[in-house]
N, C-alpha and C. Protein backbone atom coordinates (compact mmCIF):
# COMPACT_ATOMS: atom_id res chain seq x y z
N UNK A 1 -7.47 -3.43 53.04
CA UNK A 1 -7.04 -4.66 52.40
C UNK A 1 -8.09 -5.16 51.43
N UNK A 2 -9.37 -5.01 51.80
CA UNK A 2 -10.44 -5.45 50.91
C UNK A 2 -10.43 -4.67 49.60
N UNK A 3 -10.10 -3.36 49.69
CA UNK A 3 -10.02 -2.53 48.49
C UNK A 3 -8.95 -3.08 47.55
N UNK A 4 -7.83 -3.46 48.13
CA UNK A 4 -6.72 -4.00 47.35
C UNK A 4 -7.16 -5.24 46.59
N UNK A 5 -7.81 -6.17 47.29
CA UNK A 5 -8.25 -7.41 46.65
C UNK A 5 -9.36 -7.16 45.64
N UNK A 6 -10.22 -6.22 45.92
CA UNK A 6 -11.29 -5.88 44.98
C UNK A 6 -10.69 -5.30 43.69
N UNK A 7 -9.69 -4.43 43.85
CA UNK A 7 -9.02 -3.85 42.68
C UNK A 7 -8.28 -4.93 41.90
N UNK A 8 -7.62 -5.80 42.63
CA UNK A 8 -6.89 -6.90 41.99
C UNK A 8 -7.84 -7.82 41.24
N UNK A 9 -8.96 -8.14 41.88
CA UNK A 9 -9.96 -8.99 41.24
C UNK A 9 -10.50 -8.35 39.96
N UNK A 10 -10.71 -7.06 40.02
CA UNK A 10 -11.20 -6.33 38.85
C UNK A 10 -10.18 -6.40 37.71
N UNK A 11 -8.92 -6.22 38.06
CA UNK A 11 -7.86 -6.29 37.04
C UNK A 11 -7.76 -7.69 36.45
N UNK A 12 -7.84 -8.69 37.30
CA UNK A 12 -7.79 -10.08 36.82
C UNK A 12 -8.97 -10.36 35.90
N UNK A 13 -10.14 -9.87 36.26
CA UNK A 13 -11.33 -10.05 35.41
C UNK A 13 -11.12 -9.42 34.04
N UNK A 14 -10.53 -8.22 34.02
CA UNK A 14 -10.28 -7.55 32.74
C UNK A 14 -9.27 -8.33 31.91
N UNK A 15 -8.24 -8.86 32.56
CA UNK A 15 -7.24 -9.66 31.84
C UNK A 15 -7.88 -10.92 31.26
N UNK A 16 -8.71 -11.58 32.04
CA UNK A 16 -9.40 -12.78 31.57
C UNK A 16 -10.31 -12.45 30.40
N UNK A 17 -11.05 -11.36 30.50
CA UNK A 17 -11.92 -10.94 29.39
C UNK A 17 -11.11 -10.65 28.14
N UNK A 18 -9.99 -9.96 28.31
CA UNK A 18 -9.13 -9.65 27.16
C UNK A 18 -8.58 -10.93 26.55
N UNK A 19 -8.17 -11.87 27.38
CA UNK A 19 -7.68 -13.16 26.87
C UNK A 19 -8.76 -13.89 26.08
N UNK A 20 -9.97 -13.86 26.59
CA UNK A 20 -11.09 -14.50 25.88
C UNK A 20 -11.32 -13.84 24.52
N UNK A 21 -11.30 -12.51 24.50
CA UNK A 21 -11.50 -11.79 23.24
C UNK A 21 -10.38 -12.11 22.25
N UNK A 22 -9.15 -12.12 22.74
CA UNK A 22 -8.01 -12.41 21.87
C UNK A 22 -8.04 -13.84 21.36
N UNK A 23 -8.44 -14.76 22.21
CA UNK A 23 -8.55 -16.16 21.79
C UNK A 23 -9.59 -16.30 20.69
N UNK A 24 -10.71 -15.63 20.86
CA UNK A 24 -11.77 -15.66 19.86
C UNK A 24 -11.30 -15.03 18.55
N UNK A 25 -10.65 -13.90 18.65
CA UNK A 25 -10.14 -13.23 17.44
C UNK A 25 -9.09 -14.10 16.75
N UNK A 26 -8.24 -14.71 17.53
CA UNK A 26 -7.21 -15.59 16.98
C UNK A 26 -7.84 -16.75 16.21
N UNK A 27 -8.86 -17.34 16.78
CA UNK A 27 -9.55 -18.45 16.11
C UNK A 27 -10.19 -17.98 14.80
N UNK A 28 -10.81 -16.80 14.85
CA UNK A 28 -11.43 -16.24 13.64
C UNK A 28 -10.37 -15.99 12.56
N UNK A 29 -9.23 -15.43 12.97
CA UNK A 29 -8.17 -15.14 12.02
C UNK A 29 -7.56 -16.42 11.45
N UNK A 30 -7.43 -17.44 12.27
CA UNK A 30 -6.92 -18.73 11.77
C UNK A 30 -7.86 -19.31 10.72
N UNK A 31 -9.15 -19.23 10.99
CA UNK A 31 -10.14 -19.74 10.03
C UNK A 31 -10.09 -18.93 8.74
N UNK A 32 -9.96 -17.62 8.88
CA UNK A 32 -9.86 -16.76 7.69
C UNK A 32 -8.61 -17.09 6.88
N UNK A 33 -7.51 -17.35 7.57
CA UNK A 33 -6.27 -17.73 6.89
C UNK A 33 -6.45 -19.03 6.12
N UNK A 34 -7.11 -20.00 6.73
CA UNK A 34 -7.38 -21.27 6.05
C UNK A 34 -8.20 -21.03 4.79
N UNK A 35 -9.24 -20.20 4.90
CA UNK A 35 -10.09 -19.91 3.76
C UNK A 35 -9.32 -19.20 2.65
N UNK A 36 -8.51 -18.22 3.02
CA UNK A 36 -7.74 -17.48 2.02
C UNK A 36 -6.70 -18.37 1.36
N UNK A 37 -6.11 -19.27 2.13
CA UNK A 37 -5.14 -20.19 1.57
C UNK A 37 -5.79 -21.11 0.55
N UNK A 38 -6.99 -21.59 0.85
CA UNK A 38 -7.72 -22.42 -0.10
C UNK A 38 -8.08 -21.63 -1.36
N UNK A 39 -8.50 -20.37 -1.18
CA UNK A 39 -8.81 -19.53 -2.33
C UNK A 39 -7.57 -19.34 -3.20
N UNK A 40 -6.43 -19.13 -2.56
CA UNK A 40 -5.18 -18.95 -3.30
C UNK A 40 -4.83 -20.21 -4.08
N UNK A 41 -4.99 -21.36 -3.47
CA UNK A 41 -4.71 -22.62 -4.17
C UNK A 41 -5.62 -22.77 -5.39
N UNK A 42 -6.90 -22.46 -5.21
CA UNK A 42 -7.85 -22.57 -6.32
C UNK A 42 -7.48 -21.59 -7.43
N UNK A 43 -7.15 -20.37 -7.07
CA UNK A 43 -6.76 -19.38 -8.09
C UNK A 43 -5.48 -19.78 -8.79
N UNK A 44 -4.54 -20.32 -8.06
CA UNK A 44 -3.28 -20.77 -8.66
C UNK A 44 -3.54 -21.90 -9.65
N UNK A 45 -4.43 -22.80 -9.31
CA UNK A 45 -4.78 -23.89 -10.22
C UNK A 45 -5.43 -23.34 -11.49
N UNK A 46 -6.32 -22.36 -11.32
CA UNK A 46 -6.97 -21.74 -12.49
C UNK A 46 -5.94 -21.02 -13.36
N UNK A 47 -5.01 -20.34 -12.72
CA UNK A 47 -3.96 -19.64 -13.47
C UNK A 47 -3.09 -20.63 -14.24
N UNK A 48 -2.77 -21.73 -13.62
CA UNK A 48 -1.95 -22.75 -14.29
C UNK A 48 -2.70 -23.32 -15.48
N UNK A 49 -3.99 -23.59 -15.32
CA UNK A 49 -4.80 -24.10 -16.42
C UNK A 49 -4.87 -23.07 -17.54
N UNK A 50 -5.07 -21.81 -17.21
CA UNK A 50 -5.12 -20.75 -18.22
C UNK A 50 -3.78 -20.63 -18.94
N UNK A 51 -2.69 -20.73 -18.18
CA UNK A 51 -1.35 -20.67 -18.78
C UNK A 51 -1.16 -21.82 -19.77
N UNK A 52 -1.59 -23.00 -19.37
CA UNK A 52 -1.47 -24.18 -20.24
C UNK A 52 -2.29 -23.99 -21.52
N UNK A 53 -3.53 -23.53 -21.36
CA UNK A 53 -4.40 -23.35 -22.52
C UNK A 53 -3.86 -22.26 -23.45
N UNK A 54 -3.33 -21.19 -22.89
CA UNK A 54 -2.76 -20.12 -23.69
C UNK A 54 -1.54 -20.61 -24.45
N UNK A 55 -0.70 -21.37 -23.78
CA UNK A 55 0.48 -21.92 -24.45
C UNK A 55 0.07 -22.85 -25.58
N UNK A 56 -0.95 -23.64 -25.36
CA UNK A 56 -1.46 -24.55 -26.39
C UNK A 56 -1.96 -23.75 -27.59
N UNK A 57 -2.70 -22.67 -27.35
CA UNK A 57 -3.18 -21.82 -28.44
C UNK A 57 -2.01 -21.18 -29.19
N UNK A 58 -1.01 -20.72 -28.46
CA UNK A 58 0.16 -20.11 -29.10
C UNK A 58 0.89 -21.13 -29.95
N UNK A 59 1.01 -22.35 -29.46
CA UNK A 59 1.67 -23.41 -30.23
C UNK A 59 0.90 -23.70 -31.51
N UNK A 60 -0.43 -23.75 -31.41
CA UNK A 60 -1.27 -24.00 -32.59
C UNK A 60 -1.13 -22.86 -33.59
N UNK A 61 -1.05 -21.64 -33.10
CA UNK A 61 -0.92 -20.47 -33.97
C UNK A 61 0.39 -20.51 -34.74
N UNK A 62 1.47 -20.89 -34.06
CA UNK A 62 2.77 -20.94 -34.75
C UNK A 62 2.82 -22.09 -35.73
N UNK A 63 2.09 -23.17 -35.48
CA UNK A 63 2.05 -24.30 -36.41
C UNK A 63 1.33 -23.91 -37.70
N UNK A 64 0.28 -23.11 -37.57
CA UNK A 64 -0.51 -22.69 -38.73
C UNK A 64 0.26 -21.67 -39.55
N UNK A 65 1.02 -20.83 -38.92
CA UNK A 65 1.73 -19.74 -39.62
C UNK A 65 2.92 -20.23 -40.34
């Protein structure tokens, strides 16, 4: 009976360790997602500004021509 409980305890310990690792990885991935989302927002804003400036230049070019 002691062997059974020792084996069970070992399995429970492994499950707890795996849960801890997964929780840690999940937190890291959530933080990475937040960072990438912010990067995407910043890049989108830069793209919009570049689009606006390019359109302005194109408008000026057609006015001159």
